[in-house]
Amino acid sequence: MTDKAIRVLNELLVDTFNEILKIEQLTLQREQVRDLSITEVHTLVAIGVDTRRTMSEVASELKITTSTLTVSINKLEKKGYVERLRLGDDRRLVHLMLTKRGQIICMGHLEFHKRMVLETIKGLSNFETETLIKSLEQLKGFFKNEFMLSIAK
């Protein structure tokens, strides 16, 4: 691979990542959802629509500690996006569920991602789509390895 191709791919990856974050935040603002950050929206998505998930399940999916998630859930509950449910005798076991307001935000965000994916693969053959998937899986593996190396130091 040439240096030019490496530069172009690097620019595309970095610019795309930054643009996704900007557009997600602008979409929230356009939809008059000024009290949520993108991180909070991703927390809503991790909880899911019409599901009940435990704090540890959501923390694991987000790759954060339960105590970090607790801070976020406190804010989201206060804003009216999340409910805590304690089921059964064990009061320590907390399930999370989205309110109607949280579900609307979550569904809108998932729709944005669906449109993004469909636009990405528009015009690609099945082979090209599979090649893109393989490339992105390799990129994800790279990030995972870099993360593991950084926490090992």
N, C-alpha and C. Protein backbone atom coordinates (compact mmCIF):
# COMPACT_ATOMS: atom_id res chain seq x y z
N MET A 1 0.85 -1.18 0.00
CA MET A 1 0.00 0.00 0.00
C MET A 1 0.89 1.24 0.00
N THR A 2 0.50 2.21 -0.77
CA THR A 2 1.31 3.42 -0.89
C THR A 2 1.08 4.35 0.30
N ASP A 3 2.03 5.26 0.50
CA ASP A 3 1.88 6.27 1.55
C ASP A 3 0.65 7.13 1.31
N LYS A 4 0.38 7.41 0.04
CA LYS A 4 -0.79 8.23 -0.28
C LYS A 4 -2.08 7.51 0.12
N ALA A 5 -2.18 6.22 -0.17
CA ALA A 5 -3.37 5.44 0.19
C ALA A 5 -3.54 5.39 1.71
N ILE A 6 -2.44 5.26 2.44
CA ILE A 6 -2.49 5.25 3.90
C ILE A 6 -3.00 6.59 4.42
N ARG A 7 -2.49 7.69 3.84
CA ARG A 7 -2.95 9.03 4.25
C ARG A 7 -4.44 9.23 3.97
N VAL A 8 -4.88 8.80 2.79
CA VAL A 8 -6.29 8.96 2.42
C VAL A 8 -7.18 8.15 3.35
N LEU A 9 -6.82 6.89 3.59
CA LEU A 9 -7.63 6.05 4.49
C LEU A 9 -7.65 6.61 5.91
N ASN A 10 -6.50 7.07 6.38
CA ASN A 10 -6.45 7.67 7.71
C ASN A 10 -7.37 8.87 7.81
N GLU A 11 -7.30 9.74 6.82
CA GLU A 11 -8.14 10.93 6.81
C GLU A 11 -9.62 10.55 6.77
N LEU A 12 -9.96 9.57 5.94
CA LEU A 12 -11.36 9.13 5.86
C LEU A 12 -11.85 8.56 7.20
N LEU A 13 -11.05 7.74 7.83
CA LEU A 13 -11.45 7.14 9.11
C LEU A 13 -11.61 8.20 10.20
N VAL A 14 -10.64 9.07 10.34
CA VAL A 14 -10.67 10.10 11.38
C VAL A 14 -11.81 11.07 11.12
N ASP A 15 -11.93 11.55 9.88
CA ASP A 15 -12.99 12.49 9.55
C ASP A 15 -14.38 11.87 9.74
N THR A 16 -14.53 10.61 9.33
CA THR A 16 -15.83 9.94 9.47
C THR A 16 -16.21 9.80 10.93
N PHE A 17 -15.27 9.39 11.76
CA PHE A 17 -15.53 9.26 13.20
C PHE A 17 -15.97 10.60 13.78
N ASN A 18 -15.23 11.64 13.48
CA ASN A 18 -15.55 12.97 14.01
C ASN A 18 -16.89 13.47 13.50
N GLU A 19 -17.18 13.24 12.21
CA GLU A 19 -18.44 13.68 11.63
C GLU A 19 -19.64 12.95 12.26
N ILE A 20 -19.49 11.65 12.50
CA ILE A 20 -20.58 10.89 13.13
C ILE A 20 -20.91 11.51 14.48
N LEU A 21 -19.91 11.79 15.29
CA LEU A 21 -20.16 12.38 16.61
C LEU A 21 -20.83 13.75 16.49
N LYS A 22 -20.35 14.57 15.56
CA LYS A 22 -20.94 15.90 15.39
C LYS A 22 -22.39 15.82 14.93
N ILE A 23 -22.64 14.96 13.96
CA ILE A 23 -23.99 14.84 13.41
C ILE A 23 -24.95 14.27 14.45
N GLU A 24 -24.49 13.31 15.24
CA GLU A 24 -25.35 12.77 16.30
C GLU A 24 -25.74 13.88 17.28
N GLN A 25 -24.79 14.70 17.66
CA GLN A 25 -25.08 15.78 18.60
C GLN A 25 -25.99 16.83 17.96
N LEU A 26 -25.73 17.19 16.71
CA LEU A 26 -26.59 18.15 16.01
C LEU A 26 -28.01 17.62 15.84
N THR A 27 -28.15 16.32 15.58
CA THR A 27 -29.47 15.72 15.44
C THR A 27 -30.24 15.83 16.74
N LEU A 28 -29.57 15.61 17.85
CA LEU A 28 -30.22 15.77 19.16
C LEU A 28 -30.71 17.20 19.34
N GLN A 29 -29.86 18.15 19.01
CA GLN A 29 -30.23 19.55 19.17
C GLN A 29 -31.38 19.93 18.25
N ARG A 30 -31.35 19.43 17.02
CA ARG A 30 -32.41 19.73 16.06
C ARG A 30 -33.75 19.16 16.54
N GLU A 31 -33.70 18.03 17.21
CA GLU A 31 -34.92 17.40 17.71
C GLU A 31 -35.30 17.95 19.09
N GLN A 32 -34.69 19.07 19.47
CA GLN A 32 -35.01 19.74 20.73
C GLN A 32 -34.70 18.88 21.95
N VAL A 33 -33.67 18.03 21.85
CA VAL A 33 -33.24 17.21 22.97
C VAL A 33 -31.92 17.79 23.45
N ARG A 34 -32.01 18.90 24.14
CA ARG A 34 -30.82 19.62 24.55
C ARG A 34 -30.28 19.14 25.90
N ASP A 35 -31.05 18.29 26.58
CA ASP A 35 -30.62 17.87 27.91
C ASP A 35 -29.88 16.54 27.91
N LEU A 36 -29.56 16.00 26.73
CA LEU A 36 -28.85 14.73 26.64
C LEU A 36 -27.54 14.89 25.87
N SER A 37 -26.53 14.20 26.35
CA SER A 37 -25.28 14.10 25.59
C SER A 37 -25.33 12.83 24.75
N ILE A 38 -24.43 12.72 23.80
CA ILE A 38 -24.36 11.50 22.99
C ILE A 38 -24.04 10.30 23.87
N THR A 39 -23.20 10.46 24.86
CA THR A 39 -22.88 9.37 25.78
C THR A 39 -24.15 8.89 26.48
N GLU A 40 -25.00 9.83 26.88
CA GLU A 40 -26.25 9.44 27.53
C GLU A 40 -27.18 8.72 26.56
N VAL A 41 -27.22 9.15 25.31
CA VAL A 41 -28.04 8.47 24.30
C VAL A 41 -27.53 7.04 24.11
N HIS A 42 -26.23 6.87 24.06
CA HIS A 42 -25.67 5.52 23.91
C HIS A 42 -26.00 4.65 25.11
N THR A 43 -26.12 5.26 26.28
CA THR A 43 -26.55 4.52 27.46
C THR A 43 -28.01 4.07 27.29
N LEU A 44 -28.85 4.94 26.77
CA LEU A 44 -30.25 4.56 26.51
C LEU A 44 -30.31 3.39 25.53
N VAL A 45 -29.50 3.45 24.48
CA VAL A 45 -29.47 2.38 23.48
C VAL A 45 -29.01 1.07 24.11
N ALA A 46 -28.04 1.14 25.02
CA ALA A 46 -27.55 -0.06 25.69
C ALA A 46 -28.63 -0.69 26.57
N ILE A 47 -29.48 0.13 27.14
CA ILE A 47 -30.60 -0.40 27.93
C ILE A 47 -31.60 -1.06 27.01
N GLY A 48 -31.93 -0.39 25.90
CA GLY A 48 -32.80 -0.98 24.89
C GLY A 48 -34.26 -0.64 25.07
N VAL A 49 -34.98 -0.71 23.96
CA VAL A 49 -36.41 -0.43 23.94
C VAL A 49 -37.16 -1.70 24.35
N ASP A 50 -38.14 -1.55 25.21
CA ASP A 50 -38.98 -2.67 25.65
C ASP A 50 -38.19 -3.82 26.28
N THR A 51 -37.13 -3.48 26.99
CA THR A 51 -36.36 -4.50 27.70
C THR A 51 -36.09 -4.04 29.12
N ARG A 52 -35.75 -4.98 29.95
CA ARG A 52 -35.26 -4.70 31.29
C ARG A 52 -33.87 -5.31 31.38
N ARG A 53 -32.92 -4.48 31.74
CA ARG A 53 -31.54 -4.97 31.85
C ARG A 53 -30.98 -4.57 33.19
N THR A 54 -30.09 -5.40 33.71
CA THR A 54 -29.46 -5.07 34.98
C THR A 54 -28.37 -4.03 34.77
N MET A 55 -28.01 -3.39 35.86
CA MET A 55 -26.92 -2.41 35.81
C MET A 55 -25.65 -3.06 35.27
N SER A 56 -25.34 -4.26 35.74
CA SER A 56 -24.09 -4.89 35.30
C SER A 56 -24.13 -5.26 33.82
N GLU A 57 -25.29 -5.65 33.30
CA GLU A 57 -25.40 -5.95 31.87
C GLU A 57 -25.13 -4.70 31.03
N VAL A 58 -25.73 -3.60 31.43
CA VAL A 58 -25.56 -2.35 30.68
C VAL A 58 -24.12 -1.86 30.80
N ALA A 59 -23.56 -1.91 32.00
CA ALA A 59 -22.17 -1.46 32.20
C ALA A 59 -21.22 -2.30 31.35
N SER A 60 -21.47 -3.60 31.31
CA SER A 60 -20.62 -4.49 30.51
C SER A 60 -20.70 -4.14 29.02
N GLU A 61 -21.90 -3.90 28.53
CA GLU A 61 -22.06 -3.54 27.11
C GLU A 61 -21.35 -2.23 26.79
N LEU A 62 -21.43 -1.27 27.72
CA LEU A 62 -20.79 0.03 27.49
C LEU A 62 -19.30 0.03 27.82
N LYS A 63 -18.85 -1.09 28.39
CA LYS A 63 -17.43 -1.24 28.79
C LYS A 63 -17.02 -0.17 29.80
N ILE A 64 -17.90 0.03 30.80
CA ILE A 64 -17.63 0.95 31.91
C ILE A 64 -17.92 0.23 33.21
N THR A 65 -17.51 0.83 34.31
CA THR A 65 -17.78 0.22 35.61
C THR A 65 -19.24 0.49 36.01
N THR A 66 -19.73 -0.34 36.92
CA THR A 66 -21.09 -0.14 37.42
C THR A 66 -21.21 1.18 38.15
N SER A 67 -20.16 1.57 38.86
CA SER A 67 -20.23 2.85 39.58
C SER A 67 -20.28 4.04 38.61
N THR A 68 -19.58 3.96 37.49
CA THR A 68 -19.66 5.01 36.47
C THR A 68 -21.06 5.06 35.88
N LEU A 69 -21.62 3.87 35.62
CA LEU A 69 -22.98 3.81 35.08
C LEU A 69 -23.98 4.38 36.07
N THR A 70 -23.79 4.13 37.35
CA THR A 70 -24.71 4.64 38.37
C THR A 70 -24.84 6.15 38.30
N VAL A 71 -23.72 6.84 38.11
CA VAL A 71 -23.75 8.30 37.99
C VAL A 71 -24.61 8.70 36.79
N SER A 72 -24.41 8.04 35.67
CA SER A 72 -25.17 8.35 34.46
C SER A 72 -26.65 8.04 34.64
N ILE A 73 -26.95 6.91 35.24
CA ILE A 73 -28.35 6.51 35.43
C ILE A 73 -29.05 7.48 36.38
N ASN A 74 -28.35 7.95 37.40
CA ASN A 74 -28.94 8.94 38.31
C ASN A 74 -29.41 10.17 37.52
N LYS A 75 -28.55 10.64 36.60
CA LYS A 75 -28.90 11.81 35.79
C LYS A 75 -30.06 11.50 34.83
N LEU A 76 -29.99 10.34 34.18
CA LEU A 76 -31.03 9.97 33.22
C LEU A 76 -32.38 9.74 33.90
N GLU A 77 -32.35 9.23 35.10
CA GLU A 77 -33.59 9.03 35.85
C GLU A 77 -34.19 10.38 36.24
N LYS A 78 -33.34 11.28 36.70
CA LYS A 78 -33.79 12.62 37.08
C LYS A 78 -34.38 13.37 35.88
N LYS A 79 -33.83 13.14 34.69
CA LYS A 79 -34.32 13.81 33.48
C LYS A 79 -35.56 13.14 32.90
N GLY A 80 -35.93 11.97 33.44
CA GLY A 80 -37.14 11.30 32.99
C GLY A 80 -36.98 10.35 31.83
N TYR A 81 -35.77 9.84 31.59
CA TYR A 81 -35.53 8.92 30.48
C TYR A 81 -35.42 7.46 30.90
N VAL A 82 -35.13 7.21 32.18
CA VAL A 82 -34.88 5.86 32.68
C VAL A 82 -35.62 5.65 33.99
N GLU A 83 -36.09 4.41 34.18
CA GLU A 83 -36.67 4.01 35.46
C GLU A 83 -35.83 2.88 36.03
N ARG A 84 -35.70 2.88 37.35
CA ARG A 84 -35.07 1.76 38.05
C ARG A 84 -36.17 0.87 38.61
N LEU A 85 -36.01 -0.43 38.45
CA LEU A 85 -36.97 -1.39 38.99
C LEU A 85 -36.24 -2.36 39.90
N ARG A 86 -36.78 -2.55 41.07
CA ARG A 86 -36.24 -3.55 41.99
C ARG A 86 -37.25 -4.68 42.06
N LEU A 87 -36.85 -5.83 41.56
CA LEU A 87 -37.76 -6.97 41.48
C LEU A 87 -37.35 -8.02 42.50
N GLY A 88 -38.30 -8.60 43.16
CA GLY A 88 -38.01 -9.68 44.09
C GLY A 88 -37.51 -9.17 45.43
N ASP A 89 -36.97 -10.10 46.19
CA ASP A 89 -36.52 -9.81 47.56
C ASP A 89 -35.16 -9.13 47.62
N ASP A 90 -34.32 -9.35 46.63
CA ASP A 90 -32.97 -8.78 46.64
C ASP A 90 -33.02 -7.33 46.17
N ARG A 91 -32.97 -6.41 47.10
CA ARG A 91 -33.07 -4.98 46.79
C ARG A 91 -31.81 -4.46 46.09
N ARG A 92 -30.74 -5.25 46.12
CA ARG A 92 -29.50 -4.83 45.45
C ARG A 92 -29.59 -4.99 43.95
N LEU A 93 -30.43 -5.93 43.49
CA LEU A 93 -30.55 -6.20 42.06
C LEU A 93 -31.48 -5.17 41.43
N VAL A 94 -30.90 -4.31 40.62
CA VAL A 94 -31.65 -3.22 39.99
C VAL A 94 -31.74 -3.46 38.49
N HIS A 95 -32.96 -3.39 37.99
CA HIS A 95 -33.19 -3.47 36.55
C HIS A 95 -33.46 -2.06 36.03
N LEU A 96 -33.04 -1.84 34.81
CA LEU A 96 -33.25 -0.54 34.17
C LEU A 96 -34.23 -0.71 33.03
N MET A 97 -35.06 0.30 32.86
CA MET A 97 -36.04 0.30 31.79
C MET A 97 -36.20 1.73 31.29
N LEU A 98 -36.36 1.90 30.00
CA LEU A 98 -36.56 3.24 29.44
C LEU A 98 -38.01 3.67 29.65
N THR A 99 -38.18 4.94 29.93
CA THR A 99 -39.51 5.53 29.94
C THR A 99 -39.93 5.72 28.49
N LYS A 100 -41.18 6.12 28.25
CA LYS A 100 -41.63 6.40 26.88
C LYS A 100 -40.72 7.44 26.23
N ARG A 101 -40.36 8.44 27.00
CA ARG A 101 -39.48 9.50 26.50
C ARG A 101 -38.12 8.92 26.09
N GLY A 102 -37.59 8.03 26.91
CA GLY A 102 -36.31 7.38 26.60
C GLY A 102 -36.41 6.48 25.39
N GLN A 103 -37.55 5.79 25.25
CA GLN A 103 -37.75 4.91 24.10
C GLN A 103 -37.78 5.70 22.80
N ILE A 104 -38.42 6.86 22.81
CA ILE A 104 -38.49 7.69 21.61
C ILE A 104 -37.09 8.12 21.17
N ILE A 105 -36.28 8.56 22.12
CA ILE A 105 -34.90 8.97 21.81
C ILE A 105 -34.12 7.78 21.26
N CYS A 106 -34.24 6.65 21.93
CA CYS A 106 -33.51 5.44 21.52
C CYS A 106 -33.89 5.02 20.10
N MET A 107 -35.18 4.98 19.81
CA MET A 107 -35.64 4.57 18.48
C MET A 107 -35.17 5.54 17.40
N GLY A 108 -35.18 6.84 17.70
CA GLY A 108 -34.69 7.82 16.74
C GLY A 108 -33.21 7.65 16.46
N HIS A 109 -32.45 7.36 17.52
CA HIS A 109 -31.01 7.17 17.35
C HIS A 109 -30.72 5.90 16.54
N LEU A 110 -31.45 4.84 16.82
CA LEU A 110 -31.25 3.59 16.06
C LEU A 110 -31.62 3.78 14.59
N GLU A 111 -32.64 4.59 14.33
CA GLU A 111 -33.03 4.88 12.94
C GLU A 111 -31.91 5.64 12.21
N PHE A 112 -31.28 6.60 12.91
CA PHE A 112 -30.15 7.32 12.33
C PHE A 112 -29.05 6.34 11.94
N HIS A 113 -28.72 5.40 12.84
CA HIS A 113 -27.67 4.43 12.55
C HIS A 113 -28.05 3.51 11.40
N LYS A 114 -29.31 3.14 11.32
CA LYS A 114 -29.76 2.29 10.21
C LYS A 114 -29.58 3.02 8.88
N ARG A 115 -30.00 4.29 8.85
CA ARG A 115 -29.84 5.08 7.62
C ARG A 115 -28.36 5.21 7.25
N MET A 116 -27.50 5.40 8.26
CA MET A 116 -26.06 5.54 8.04
C MET A 116 -25.50 4.25 7.41
N VAL A 117 -25.89 3.11 7.93
CA VAL A 117 -25.40 1.83 7.41
C VAL A 117 -25.91 1.61 5.99
N LEU A 118 -27.18 1.86 5.76
CA LEU A 118 -27.74 1.66 4.41
C LEU A 118 -27.06 2.57 3.39
N GLU A 119 -26.76 3.79 3.79
CA GLU A 119 -26.06 4.72 2.88
C GLU A 119 -24.64 4.23 2.61
N THR A 120 -24.01 3.63 3.62
CA THR A 120 -22.64 3.14 3.48
C THR A 120 -22.55 2.01 2.47
N ILE A 121 -23.54 1.13 2.46
CA ILE A 121 -23.46 -0.04 1.57
C ILE A 121 -24.25 0.13 0.28
N LYS A 122 -24.89 1.30 0.10
CA LYS A 122 -25.66 1.55 -1.12
C LYS A 122 -24.74 1.40 -2.34
N GLY A 123 -25.18 0.58 -3.27
CA GLY A 123 -24.41 0.40 -4.50
C GLY A 123 -23.30 -0.64 -4.41
N LEU A 124 -23.09 -1.21 -3.23
CA LEU A 124 -22.06 -2.24 -3.10
C LEU A 124 -22.63 -3.61 -3.40
N SER A 125 -21.81 -4.45 -3.99
CA SER A 125 -22.21 -5.84 -4.20
C SER A 125 -22.13 -6.58 -2.87
N ASN A 126 -22.68 -7.78 -2.81
CA ASN A 126 -22.58 -8.59 -1.59
C ASN A 126 -21.11 -8.84 -1.23
N PHE A 127 -20.29 -9.10 -2.24
CA PHE A 127 -18.87 -9.33 -1.99
C PHE A 127 -18.21 -8.09 -1.40
N GLU A 128 -18.52 -6.93 -1.97
CA GLU A 128 -17.94 -5.68 -1.45
C GLU A 128 -18.42 -5.39 -0.03
N THR A 129 -19.68 -5.69 0.25
CA THR A 129 -20.21 -5.50 1.61
C THR A 129 -19.49 -6.43 2.58
N GLU A 130 -19.29 -7.68 2.20
CA GLU A 130 -18.57 -8.63 3.06
C GLU A 130 -17.12 -8.18 3.27
N THR A 131 -16.50 -7.63 2.24
CA THR A 131 -15.13 -7.12 2.36
C THR A 131 -15.09 -5.94 3.33
N LEU A 132 -16.07 -5.05 3.23
CA LEU A 132 -16.15 -3.92 4.16
C LEU A 132 -16.33 -4.41 5.59
N ILE A 133 -17.21 -5.38 5.79
CA ILE A 133 -17.43 -5.95 7.13
C ILE A 133 -16.13 -6.53 7.67
N LYS A 134 -15.43 -7.29 6.84
CA LYS A 134 -14.16 -7.90 7.28
C LYS A 134 -13.15 -6.81 7.66
N SER A 135 -13.07 -5.77 6.86
CA SER A 135 -12.13 -4.68 7.14
C SER A 135 -12.47 -3.98 8.45
N LEU A 136 -13.76 -3.73 8.68
CA LEU A 136 -14.16 -3.06 9.92
C LEU A 136 -13.97 -3.96 11.14
N GLU A 137 -14.15 -5.27 10.96
CA GLU A 137 -13.87 -6.21 12.06
C GLU A 137 -12.38 -6.18 12.41
N GLN A 138 -11.53 -6.10 11.39
CA GLN A 138 -10.09 -5.99 11.64
C GLN A 138 -9.75 -4.69 12.37
N LEU A 139 -10.39 -3.60 11.97
CA LEU A 139 -10.18 -2.32 12.63
C LEU A 139 -10.63 -2.39 14.09
N LYS A 140 -11.77 -2.99 14.32
CA LYS A 140 -12.27 -3.16 15.69
C LYS A 140 -11.27 -3.98 16.52
N GLY A 141 -10.74 -5.04 15.92
CA GLY A 141 -9.74 -5.86 16.61
C GLY A 141 -8.49 -5.07 16.95
N PHE A 142 -8.08 -4.20 16.04
CA PHE A 142 -6.93 -3.33 16.29
C PHE A 142 -7.18 -2.45 17.51
N PHE A 143 -8.37 -1.82 17.54
CA PHE A 143 -8.70 -0.94 18.67
C PHE A 143 -8.76 -1.72 19.97
N LYS A 144 -9.32 -2.91 19.93
CA LYS A 144 -9.40 -3.74 21.13
C LYS A 144 -8.00 -4.09 21.63
N ASN A 145 -7.11 -4.46 20.72
CA ASN A 145 -5.73 -4.79 21.11
C ASN A 145 -5.01 -3.57 21.67
N GLU A 146 -5.19 -2.42 21.03
CA GLU A 146 -4.56 -1.19 21.53
C GLU A 146 -5.08 -0.83 22.92
N PHE A 147 -6.38 -1.02 23.14
CA PHE A 147 -6.97 -0.75 24.44
C PHE A 147 -6.36 -1.68 25.49
N MET A 148 -6.27 -2.96 25.17
CA MET A 148 -5.71 -3.94 26.12
C MET A 148 -4.25 -3.60 26.43
N LEU A 149 -3.50 -3.20 25.42
CA LEU A 149 -2.11 -2.80 25.65
C LEU A 149 -2.02 -1.58 26.54
N SER A 150 -2.93 -0.63 26.34
CA SER A 150 -2.85 0.61 27.11
C SER A 150 -3.22 0.39 28.57
N ILE A 151 -4.13 -0.52 28.86
CA ILE A 151 -4.47 -0.76 30.27
C ILE A 151 -3.47 -1.69 30.94
N ALA A 152 -2.70 -2.42 30.13
CA ALA A 152 -1.70 -3.32 30.70
C ALA A 152 -0.46 -2.56 31.16
N LYS A 153 -0.28 -1.35 30.64
CA LYS A 153 0.91 -0.56 30.97
C LYS A 153 0.78 0.10 32.31
